[in-house]
Amino acid sequence: MESCVHWALAAVALFCAGAHADASGDVYPGAHWAWRTPEQVGLDRAKLDALRDLVGGRGCVVRHGFMVYSWGDIGRSGDVASAVKPLISTLLLLAVQDGRVASVDAPVADFEPRLRTLNGGKDAGITWRHLASQTSGYGLAERPGEAWAYNDCALALYFDTLIDRVYRQPADTVLKERIARPLGFEDPCTFDAFGRADRAGRLAVSVRDFARFGLLYLRHGKWMGKALLKPALVKLALDSPVRPDMPRSSGRDADMLPGQRTLGGGKDQTATGPGLYSFNWWLNRTDRAGRRLYRFAPPDTYLASGHGGIRDLWIFPSFDLIVSWNDANVEDHDASPADPDTKSNRAARLICEAVRR
């Protein structure tokens, strides 16, 4: 009984400080993040200062559910480029959880029937998992599942089919009802980062709100004691890497649906990915050559990355730690498995060196 009283008093104290703790003791932000100093949560301020100076832009650090460090304007919303991809896959997993989509291995043609006859039927076998793992072969010669291609035309197909055919609601309505409102975003967010006529699906969000999205995954889909996303689906998202020996696409073109757009780039942008990519998250695992994505970070680290590291959301489960930044001076993510001196690797090292306990 006494321990229950102590827990209740602690919960009231956290609530008054702008934070909430569930029955397990996990802390979540309320209407605003509650703050602690780096020293209070076992982080080295000097290392965080060095991270800020290396990265630039604007960013924040969250540990044990508290905001502990920031630089720049963390309430400013801005495009996160390809870091939006794991959020799109989260909307897919929520659709599976709701029963809107039968499974991640169901054909996308169930909702976009024109795929059934595209390229003589080649694209009929594209599944949601293929789109979430960049192995769909969409617009390319390979069949679904045969090759890796970091493909922003396939991403646009993914986003448009999910929003227009599965949810059948405006994109920002889905974003706010399924992500922003449940997680208590503080700042404006939109899937129209550049306006409705320019690459719909590009997410504008603040670094502190993006950190809330990271906390949802760090807490295995739970938010304030409620499972917003089933733990099994979180595990699926983070434990389904493209196999390391998956070949890269030949790059030979195939037909796409009429009027197909892109969410940003081309159909085959980087060789980096096999062994390191799962439901649009980047995993700190190893590629075909046995090289870890970020050699100075724990193996369970994962991240959403945009523009090669300019816009990143890092999650370090081993440290109960999240780092979110935007407009950074970092754009060498793809080179990091081969080069320990990339800015991305140096940033990861500073983050890990900041952890004192």
Protein backbone atom coordinates (compact mmCIF):
# COMPACT_ATOMS: atom_id res chain seq x y z
CA MET A 1 0.00 0.00 0.00
CA GLU A 2 2.80 2.38 0.92
CA SER A 3 4.53 1.83 -2.43
CA CYS A 4 1.28 2.63 -4.25
CA VAL A 5 0.99 5.89 -2.34
CA HIS A 6 4.59 6.76 -3.21
CA TRP A 7 3.94 6.02 -6.89
CA ALA A 8 0.78 8.17 -6.84
CA LEU A 9 2.64 11.08 -5.24
CA ALA A 10 5.44 10.76 -7.79
CA ALA A 11 2.89 10.71 -10.62
CA VAL A 12 1.28 13.91 -9.30
CA ALA A 13 4.69 15.58 -9.11
CA LEU A 14 5.45 14.60 -12.69
CA PHE A 15 2.06 15.85 -13.88
CA CYS A 16 2.69 19.21 -12.25
CA ALA A 17 6.04 19.32 -14.02
CA GLY A 18 4.42 18.75 -17.43
CA ALA A 19 5.13 15.00 -17.60
CA HIS A 20 3.12 11.85 -17.02
CA ALA A 21 4.25 8.46 -15.73
CA ASP A 22 2.29 5.27 -16.39
CA ALA A 23 2.02 2.34 -13.99
CA SER A 24 5.36 0.95 -15.20
CA GLY A 25 7.12 4.21 -14.36
CA ASP A 26 7.74 5.20 -17.99
CA VAL A 27 7.59 8.97 -18.41
CA TYR A 28 5.80 10.80 -21.25
CA PRO A 29 5.43 14.49 -22.06
CA GLY A 30 2.19 16.25 -21.27
CA ALA A 31 1.05 19.33 -23.14
CA HIS A 32 4.72 20.37 -23.05
CA TRP A 33 7.91 18.45 -22.42
CA ALA A 34 9.13 18.41 -18.83
CA TRP A 35 12.80 19.35 -18.56
CA ARG A 36 15.69 17.89 -16.65
CA THR A 37 19.34 18.92 -16.88
CA PRO A 38 21.77 16.61 -18.69
CA GLU A 39 23.48 15.98 -15.35
CA GLN A 40 20.22 14.86 -13.72
CA VAL A 41 19.77 12.09 -16.30
CA GLY A 42 23.40 11.01 -16.50
CA LEU A 43 24.54 12.87 -19.61
CA ASP A 44 27.72 14.88 -20.16
CA ARG A 45 26.84 18.45 -21.13
CA ALA A 46 30.22 19.08 -22.77
CA LYS A 47 29.68 16.16 -25.16
CA LEU A 48 26.22 17.50 -26.02
CA ASP A 49 27.73 20.93 -26.65
CA ALA A 50 30.20 19.27 -29.03
CA LEU A 51 27.31 17.47 -30.76
CA ARG A 52 25.48 20.78 -31.20
CA ASP A 53 28.58 22.40 -32.67
CA LEU A 54 29.18 19.50 -35.07
CA VAL A 55 25.58 19.13 -36.24
CA GLY A 56 24.31 22.71 -36.31
CA GLY A 57 20.77 23.52 -37.34
CA ARG A 58 18.27 22.87 -34.58
CA GLY A 59 17.80 19.82 -32.40
CA CYS A 60 16.91 18.27 -29.08
CA VAL A 61 17.85 15.39 -26.81
CA VAL A 62 15.33 13.36 -24.79
CA ARG A 63 16.28 10.87 -22.06
CA HIS A 64 14.00 8.83 -19.79
CA GLY A 65 11.04 10.74 -21.23
CA PHE A 66 12.39 14.21 -20.33
CA MET A 67 13.70 16.94 -22.59
CA VAL A 68 17.28 17.49 -21.45
CA TYR A 69 19.09 19.53 -24.10
CA SER A 70 18.28 21.60 -27.16
CA TRP A 71 19.73 24.00 -29.69
CA GLY A 72 18.09 26.33 -32.18
CA ASP A 73 14.32 26.75 -32.42
CA ILE A 74 12.93 23.31 -31.50
CA GLY A 75 9.33 24.49 -32.02
CA ARG A 76 9.87 25.42 -35.67
CA SER A 77 8.18 23.02 -38.10
CA GLY A 78 10.05 22.08 -41.27
CA ASP A 79 10.30 19.42 -43.94
CA VAL A 80 11.98 16.20 -42.76
CA ALA A 81 12.45 14.76 -46.29
CA SER A 82 12.92 10.97 -46.26
CA ALA A 83 12.70 10.83 -42.46
CA VAL A 84 8.92 10.83 -43.07
CA LYS A 85 9.13 7.26 -44.37
CA PRO A 86 8.87 5.41 -41.04
CA LEU A 87 5.84 7.54 -40.19
CA ILE A 88 4.17 6.45 -43.43
CA SER A 89 4.90 2.84 -42.52
CA THR A 90 3.43 3.48 -39.08
CA LEU A 91 0.20 4.54 -40.77
CA LEU A 92 0.33 1.24 -42.69
CA LEU A 93 0.79 -0.73 -39.46
CA LEU A 94 -2.09 1.16 -37.86
CA ALA A 95 -4.23 0.24 -40.89
CA VAL A 96 -3.29 -3.42 -40.39
CA GLN A 97 -4.10 -3.12 -36.69
CA ASP A 98 -7.50 -1.62 -37.56
CA GLY A 99 -8.26 -4.33 -40.12
CA ARG A 100 -8.27 -1.88 -43.02
CA VAL A 101 -5.41 -3.85 -44.62
CA ALA A 102 -5.33 -7.64 -44.24
CA SER A 103 -1.59 -7.86 -43.64
CA VAL A 104 1.69 -6.25 -44.65
CA ASP A 105 2.03 -9.09 -47.17
CA ALA A 106 -1.29 -8.37 -48.87
CA PRO A 107 -1.11 -7.16 -52.49
CA VAL A 108 -1.26 -3.40 -52.95
CA ALA A 109 -3.38 -4.20 -56.03
CA ASP A 110 -6.26 -4.94 -53.65
CA PHE A 111 -6.51 -1.14 -53.39
CA GLU A 112 -4.82 -0.08 -56.65
CA PRO A 113 -6.18 -2.59 -59.20
CA ARG A 114 -4.30 -1.03 -62.14
CA LEU A 115 -1.18 -2.75 -60.79
CA ARG A 116 -2.64 -6.12 -61.79
CA THR A 117 -1.98 -5.54 -65.48
CA LEU A 118 0.96 -3.14 -65.33
CA ASN A 119 4.03 -4.46 -67.20
CA GLY A 120 2.22 -7.62 -68.21
CA GLY A 121 1.25 -8.38 -64.62
CA LYS A 122 4.74 -7.99 -63.13
CA ASP A 123 3.53 -5.47 -60.55
CA ALA A 124 0.50 -7.45 -59.41
CA GLY A 125 2.68 -9.07 -56.75
CA ILE A 126 3.79 -5.83 -55.08
CA THR A 127 2.91 -6.06 -51.38
CA TRP A 128 2.87 -3.39 -48.71
CA ARG A 129 6.01 -4.98 -47.26
CA HIS A 130 7.77 -4.50 -50.60
CA LEU A 131 6.92 -0.79 -50.60
CA ALA A 132 8.03 -0.41 -46.98
CA SER A 133 11.35 -2.15 -47.66
CA GLN A 134 12.25 -0.51 -51.01
CA THR A 135 12.12 -3.86 -52.83
CA SER A 136 8.94 -3.39 -54.89
CA GLY A 137 10.59 -3.15 -58.33
CA TYR A 138 8.02 -0.49 -59.17
CA GLY A 139 9.00 1.38 -62.33
CA LEU A 140 11.99 -0.93 -62.74
CA ALA A 141 12.68 -4.15 -64.59
CA GLU A 142 12.90 -6.41 -61.53
CA ARG A 143 9.96 -8.29 -60.09
CA PRO A 144 8.77 -7.49 -56.56
CA GLY A 145 11.23 -8.72 -53.95
CA GLU A 146 14.10 -9.31 -56.41
CA ALA A 147 16.21 -6.19 -55.90
CA TRP A 148 16.87 -3.18 -53.69
CA ALA A 149 16.07 0.29 -55.08
CA TYR A 150 15.66 3.37 -52.91
CA ASN A 151 12.72 4.57 -54.93
CA ASP A 152 10.77 7.79 -54.31
CA CYS A 153 8.27 7.01 -57.07
CA ALA A 154 7.40 3.80 -55.23
CA LEU A 155 7.16 5.86 -52.05
CA ALA A 156 4.63 8.19 -53.68
CA LEU A 157 2.62 5.14 -54.80
CA TYR A 158 2.80 3.90 -51.19
CA PHE A 159 1.65 7.19 -49.68
CA ASP A 160 -1.08 7.93 -52.21
CA THR A 161 -2.59 4.44 -52.11
CA LEU A 162 -2.51 4.33 -48.33
CA ILE A 163 -4.12 7.76 -47.90
CA ASP A 164 -6.51 7.83 -50.87
CA ARG A 165 -7.55 4.16 -51.08
CA VAL A 166 -7.09 2.77 -47.56
CA TYR A 167 -7.87 5.67 -45.22
CA ARG A 168 -9.99 7.63 -47.73
CA GLN A 169 -9.47 10.84 -45.80
CA PRO A 170 -7.36 13.95 -46.38
CA ALA A 171 -3.73 13.28 -45.52
CA ASP A 172 -3.55 15.88 -42.78
CA THR A 173 -6.70 14.49 -41.17
CA VAL A 174 -5.05 11.07 -40.99
CA LEU A 175 -1.82 12.59 -39.67
CA LYS A 176 -3.58 14.52 -36.93
CA GLU A 177 -6.05 11.83 -35.88
CA ARG A 178 -3.64 8.89 -35.89
CA ILE A 179 -0.31 10.50 -34.91
CA ALA A 180 -0.32 14.16 -33.86
CA ARG A 181 -3.33 14.22 -31.55
CA PRO A 182 -2.66 10.92 -29.72
CA LEU A 183 0.98 11.94 -29.12
CA GLY A 184 0.09 15.50 -28.15
CA PHE A 185 2.11 17.38 -30.77
CA GLU A 186 2.77 20.95 -29.63
CA ASP A 187 3.50 22.55 -32.99
CA PRO A 188 1.93 22.70 -36.46
CA CYS A 189 2.43 19.63 -38.64
CA THR A 190 1.35 18.82 -42.18
CA PHE A 191 1.90 16.43 -45.06
CA ASP A 192 1.99 19.50 -47.32
CA ALA A 193 5.40 20.83 -46.29
CA PHE A 194 5.72 22.82 -49.54
CA GLY A 195 2.01 23.37 -50.24
CA ARG A 196 -0.63 21.04 -51.59
CA ALA A 197 0.57 21.30 -55.18
CA ASP A 198 4.19 20.40 -54.41
CA ARG A 199 5.03 16.80 -53.40
CA ALA A 200 2.12 16.03 -51.10
CA GLY A 201 3.31 13.61 -48.44
CA ARG A 202 6.35 15.64 -47.42
CA LEU A 203 6.06 16.02 -43.67
CA ALA A 204 6.72 19.30 -41.89
CA VAL A 205 7.11 18.80 -38.14
CA SER A 206 9.15 20.32 -35.31
CA VAL A 207 12.12 18.45 -33.86
CA ARG A 208 10.45 18.26 -30.45
CA ASP A 209 7.28 16.76 -31.91
CA PHE A 210 9.28 14.33 -34.03
CA ALA A 211 10.93 13.24 -30.78
CA ARG A 212 7.44 12.32 -29.50
CA PHE A 213 7.06 10.02 -32.49
CA GLY A 214 10.43 8.50 -31.61
CA LEU A 215 9.30 8.00 -28.02
CA LEU A 216 6.29 6.02 -29.23
CA TYR A 217 8.69 3.51 -30.79
CA LEU A 218 11.13 3.61 -27.89
CA ARG A 219 8.17 2.64 -25.65
CA HIS A 220 7.23 -0.24 -28.00
CA GLY A 221 4.05 1.42 -29.26
CA LYS A 222 2.76 2.38 -25.83
CA TRP A 223 1.72 5.91 -24.89
CA MET A 224 0.74 6.77 -21.32
CA GLY A 225 -0.22 3.20 -20.55
CA LYS A 226 -2.19 2.62 -23.75
CA ALA A 227 -0.97 0.52 -26.67
CA LEU A 228 -1.43 2.89 -29.62
CA LEU A 229 0.50 0.44 -31.82
CA LYS A 230 0.66 -3.21 -30.83
CA PRO A 231 4.12 -4.29 -29.64
CA ALA A 232 4.13 -7.11 -32.21
CA LEU A 233 3.77 -4.54 -35.00
CA VAL A 234 6.56 -2.41 -33.54
CA LYS A 235 8.75 -5.53 -33.49
CA LEU A 236 7.79 -6.26 -37.09
CA ALA A 237 8.79 -2.73 -38.11
CA LEU A 238 12.17 -2.94 -36.40
CA ASP A 239 13.07 -6.57 -37.00
CA SER A 240 12.38 -7.19 -40.69
CA PRO A 241 15.56 -6.01 -42.41
CA VAL A 242 16.11 -6.37 -46.14
CA ARG A 243 18.46 -9.32 -46.39
CA PRO A 244 22.11 -8.24 -46.65
CA ASP A 245 22.72 -10.07 -49.94
CA MET A 246 19.78 -8.46 -51.75
CA PRO A 247 21.17 -7.22 -55.10
CA ARG A 248 20.75 -3.64 -56.17
CA SER A 249 18.40 -2.93 -59.06
CA SER A 250 19.86 -2.86 -62.54
CA GLY A 251 18.21 0.53 -62.91
CA ARG A 252 16.45 -0.50 -66.13
CA ASP A 253 13.13 1.29 -66.42
CA ALA A 254 9.69 -0.24 -66.63
CA ASP A 255 6.28 1.36 -66.97
CA MET A 256 4.60 3.10 -64.06
CA LEU A 257 0.97 4.08 -63.57
CA PRO A 258 -0.13 7.06 -65.69
CA GLY A 259 0.79 10.37 -64.09
CA GLN A 260 3.00 8.74 -61.46
CA ARG A 261 4.73 11.33 -59.31
CA THR A 262 7.69 11.21 -56.97
CA LEU A 263 7.89 12.26 -53.33
CA GLY A 264 11.30 13.74 -53.97
CA GLY A 265 14.02 11.79 -55.77
CA GLY A 266 14.48 9.12 -58.41
CA LYS A 267 13.92 5.37 -58.56
CA ASP A 268 17.38 4.08 -57.60
CA GLN A 269 19.22 6.53 -55.37
CA THR A 270 21.72 4.57 -53.26
CA ALA A 271 23.29 1.15 -52.87
CA THR A 272 23.26 1.49 -49.07
CA GLY A 273 20.32 -0.35 -47.53
CA PRO A 274 20.34 -4.17 -47.69
CA GLY A 275 20.88 -5.52 -44.19
CA LEU A 276 20.19 -2.07 -42.72
CA TYR A 277 16.60 -1.18 -43.64
CA SER A 278 13.24 -2.28 -42.20
CA PHE A 279 9.81 -0.70 -42.77
CA ASN A 280 11.63 2.52 -43.73
CA TRP A 281 13.67 2.62 -40.51
CA TRP A 282 17.46 2.49 -40.75
CA LEU A 283 18.81 -0.21 -38.43
CA ASN A 284 22.30 -0.26 -36.96
CA ARG A 285 22.94 -3.76 -38.28
CA THR A 286 25.46 -4.98 -40.84
CA ASP A 287 25.56 -5.00 -44.62
CA ARG A 288 26.80 -7.67 -47.04
CA ALA A 289 30.43 -6.80 -46.18
CA GLY A 290 29.76 -7.09 -42.44
CA ARG A 291 29.99 -3.32 -41.92
CA ARG A 292 27.77 -1.76 -39.28
CA LEU A 293 25.82 1.32 -40.34
CA TYR A 294 27.14 3.33 -37.36
CA ARG A 295 30.07 1.57 -35.77
CA PHE A 296 30.17 3.71 -32.62
CA ALA A 297 26.50 3.20 -31.71
CA PRO A 298 24.90 0.16 -30.02
CA PRO A 299 23.53 -2.48 -32.40
CA ASP A 300 19.94 -1.80 -31.31
CA THR A 301 20.10 1.84 -32.48
CA TYR A 302 17.74 2.84 -35.29
CA LEU A 303 16.80 6.07 -37.02
CA ALA A 304 14.71 7.92 -39.56
CA SER A 305 16.98 9.83 -41.91
CA GLY A 306 16.35 12.51 -44.50
CA HIS A 307 18.65 14.18 -47.02
CA GLY A 308 21.58 11.99 -46.01
CA GLY A 309 21.48 13.06 -42.36
CA ILE A 310 20.40 16.69 -42.58
CA ARG A 311 17.07 15.71 -40.99
CA ASP A 312 17.37 12.83 -38.52
CA LEU A 313 15.51 11.13 -35.69
CA TRP A 314 17.79 8.78 -33.70
CA ILE A 315 16.57 6.23 -31.17
CA PHE A 316 18.99 4.53 -28.76
CA PRO A 317 17.08 1.87 -26.79
CA SER A 318 20.22 0.86 -24.89
CA PHE A 319 20.38 4.37 -23.43
CA ASP A 320 16.63 5.21 -23.31
CA LEU A 321 17.63 8.17 -25.46
CA ILE A 322 16.28 10.09 -28.48
CA VAL A 323 18.03 12.74 -30.57
CA SER A 324 16.12 14.74 -33.17
CA TRP A 325 17.57 17.38 -35.50
CA ASN A 326 16.81 19.31 -38.67
CA ASP A 327 18.68 21.62 -41.07
CA ALA A 328 21.92 20.06 -39.86
CA ASN A 329 25.37 20.23 -41.41
CA VAL A 330 25.37 16.46 -41.87
CA GLU A 331 24.72 14.70 -45.16
CA ASP A 332 26.95 11.60 -45.28
CA HIS A 333 24.64 8.92 -43.88
CA ASP A 334 25.04 6.67 -46.94
CA ALA A 335 28.84 6.65 -46.65
CA SER A 336 28.87 5.74 -42.95
CA PRO A 337 29.25 1.94 -43.19
CA ALA A 338 32.53 2.37 -45.09
CA ASP A 339 33.87 5.49 -43.36
CA PRO A 340 34.17 5.84 -39.56
CA ASP A 341 34.93 9.54 -39.93
CA THR A 342 31.69 10.67 -41.52
CA LYS A 343 29.93 13.43 -39.63
CA SER A 344 27.10 10.96 -39.04
CA ASN A 345 29.50 8.52 -37.35
CA ARG A 346 31.15 11.33 -35.38
CA ALA A 347 27.73 12.51 -34.19
CA ALA A 348 26.78 8.98 -33.12
CA ARG A 349 30.04 8.70 -31.22
CA LEU A 350 29.48 11.98 -29.37
CA ILE A 351 25.96 10.93 -28.42
CA CYS A 352 27.22 7.64 -27.01
CA GLU A 353 30.14 9.29 -25.22
CA ALA A 354 27.67 11.68 -23.57
CA VAL A 355 26.09 8.79 -21.68
CA ARG A 356 27.69 8.55 -18.23
CA ARG A 357 25.19 6.26 -16.53
